[in-house]
């Protein structure tokens, strides 16, 4: 019984942490990207 209470507390804490760290909308067009894609070049092979 004591262990199940700990699981419940950890599940609630984990869900709250997940929702607080997840952005509302990843590509909503309102926030500009922090990485300039035109400056990034893929690594060469070899």
N, C-alpha and C. Protein backbone atom coordinates (compact mmCIF):
# COMPACT_ATOMS: atom_id res chain seq x y z
N UNK A 1 0.82 -1.19 0.00
CA UNK A 1 0.00 0.00 0.00
C UNK A 1 0.87 1.26 0.00
N UNK A 2 1.93 1.21 0.77
CA UNK A 2 2.82 2.36 0.85
C UNK A 2 3.53 2.57 -0.49
N UNK A 3 3.89 1.47 -1.14
CA UNK A 3 4.59 1.55 -2.42
C UNK A 3 3.67 2.11 -3.51
N UNK A 4 2.41 1.75 -3.48
CA UNK A 4 1.48 2.26 -4.48
C UNK A 4 1.26 3.76 -4.32
N UNK A 5 1.33 4.28 -3.10
CA UNK A 5 1.22 5.72 -2.89
C UNK A 5 2.41 6.43 -3.51
N UNK A 6 3.59 5.85 -3.38
CA UNK A 6 4.78 6.44 -3.98
C UNK A 6 4.69 6.43 -5.51
N UNK A 7 4.17 5.33 -6.07
CA UNK A 7 3.98 5.28 -7.52
C UNK A 7 3.00 6.36 -7.98
N UNK A 8 1.95 6.57 -7.24
CA UNK A 8 0.97 7.58 -7.60
C UNK A 8 1.58 8.98 -7.53
N UNK A 9 2.36 9.25 -6.50
CA UNK A 9 3.02 10.55 -6.37
C UNK A 9 4.01 10.78 -7.50
N UNK A 10 4.78 9.76 -7.83
CA UNK A 10 5.76 9.88 -8.92
C UNK A 10 5.06 10.07 -10.26
N UNK A 11 3.94 9.38 -10.47
CA UNK A 11 3.20 9.52 -11.73
C UNK A 11 2.62 10.93 -11.86
N UNK A 12 2.07 11.46 -10.80
CA UNK A 12 1.52 12.82 -10.86
C UNK A 12 2.63 13.85 -11.07
N UNK A 13 3.74 13.68 -10.38
CA UNK A 13 4.87 14.60 -10.53
C UNK A 13 5.44 14.51 -11.94
N UNK A 14 5.58 13.30 -12.47
CA UNK A 14 6.12 13.12 -13.82
C UNK A 14 5.21 13.72 -14.88
N UNK A 15 3.90 13.54 -14.72
CA UNK A 15 2.96 14.11 -15.69
C UNK A 15 3.00 15.63 -15.63
N UNK A 16 3.06 16.19 -14.43
CA UNK A 16 3.15 17.64 -14.31
C UNK A 16 4.42 18.20 -14.90
N UNK A 17 5.51 17.50 -14.69
CA UNK A 17 6.79 17.93 -15.25
C UNK A 17 6.78 17.84 -16.76
N UNK A 18 6.17 16.78 -17.30
CA UNK A 18 6.09 16.62 -18.75
C UNK A 18 5.29 17.75 -19.38
N UNK A 19 4.13 18.05 -18.80
CA UNK A 19 3.29 19.10 -19.39
C UNK A 19 3.88 20.48 -19.20
N UNK A 20 4.66 20.69 -18.16
CA UNK A 20 5.26 22.01 -17.97
C UNK A 20 6.44 22.23 -18.91
N UNK A 21 7.10 21.17 -19.33
CA UNK A 21 8.26 21.31 -20.21
C UNK A 21 7.90 21.19 -21.68
N UNK A 22 6.72 20.74 -22.00
CA UNK A 22 6.31 20.56 -23.39
C UNK A 22 5.78 21.88 -23.93
N UNK A 23 6.30 22.36 -25.05
CA UNK A 23 5.78 23.60 -25.62
C UNK A 23 4.35 23.40 -26.12
N UNK A 24 3.57 24.47 -26.10
CA UNK A 24 2.17 24.36 -26.50
C UNK A 24 2.05 24.01 -27.98
N UNK A 25 2.83 24.64 -28.78
CA UNK A 25 2.82 24.36 -30.21
C UNK A 25 4.24 24.53 -30.72
N UNK A 26 4.75 23.48 -31.34
CA UNK A 26 6.15 23.51 -31.74
C UNK A 26 6.38 24.47 -32.91
N UNK A 27 5.56 24.39 -33.93
CA UNK A 27 5.76 25.23 -35.11
C UNK A 27 4.49 26.04 -35.35
N UNK A 28 4.25 27.03 -34.51
CA UNK A 28 3.04 27.83 -34.66
C UNK A 28 3.26 29.08 -35.49
N UNK A 29 4.51 29.38 -35.84
CA UNK A 29 4.79 30.54 -36.67
C UNK A 29 4.92 31.82 -35.88
N UNK A 30 4.60 31.83 -34.61
CA UNK A 30 4.70 33.04 -33.82
C UNK A 30 6.08 33.20 -33.21
N UNK A 31 6.71 32.10 -32.87
CA UNK A 31 8.06 32.17 -32.30
C UNK A 31 9.06 31.82 -33.39
N UNK A 32 10.10 32.62 -33.49
CA UNK A 32 11.09 32.35 -34.52
C UNK A 32 12.04 31.25 -34.05
N UNK A 33 12.61 30.56 -35.01
CA UNK A 33 13.51 29.46 -34.69
C UNK A 33 14.81 30.01 -34.14
N UNK A 34 15.39 29.28 -33.19
CA UNK A 34 16.63 29.73 -32.58
C UNK A 34 17.84 29.31 -33.40
N UNK A 35 17.68 28.36 -34.29
CA UNK A 35 18.79 27.89 -35.12
C UNK A 35 18.52 28.33 -36.55
N UNK A 36 19.50 28.99 -37.14
CA UNK A 36 19.36 29.43 -38.53
C UNK A 36 19.70 28.25 -39.43
N UNK A 37 18.70 27.74 -40.13
CA UNK A 37 18.87 26.53 -40.93
C UNK A 37 19.81 26.79 -42.12
N UNK A 38 19.87 28.01 -42.61
CA UNK A 38 20.70 28.29 -43.78
C UNK A 38 22.20 28.18 -43.46
N UNK A 39 22.58 28.29 -42.17
CA UNK A 39 23.99 28.22 -41.79
C UNK A 39 24.45 26.80 -41.48
N UNK A 40 23.51 25.89 -41.34
CA UNK A 40 23.88 24.52 -40.96
C UNK A 40 24.12 23.71 -42.23
N UNK A 41 25.27 23.07 -42.29
CA UNK A 41 25.59 22.21 -43.43
C UNK A 41 25.71 20.78 -42.93
N UNK A 42 25.18 19.82 -43.70
CA UNK A 42 25.30 18.43 -43.27
C UNK A 42 26.77 17.98 -43.34
N UNK A 43 27.19 17.09 -42.47
CA UNK A 43 28.58 16.63 -42.49
C UNK A 43 28.87 15.83 -43.77
N UNK A 44 30.10 15.99 -44.24
CA UNK A 44 30.51 15.26 -45.44
C UNK A 44 30.84 13.83 -45.09
N UNK A 45 30.63 12.95 -46.03
CA UNK A 45 30.96 11.54 -45.81
C UNK A 45 32.42 11.31 -46.16
N UNK A 46 33.08 10.52 -45.33
CA UNK A 46 34.46 10.16 -45.62
C UNK A 46 35.39 10.89 -44.82
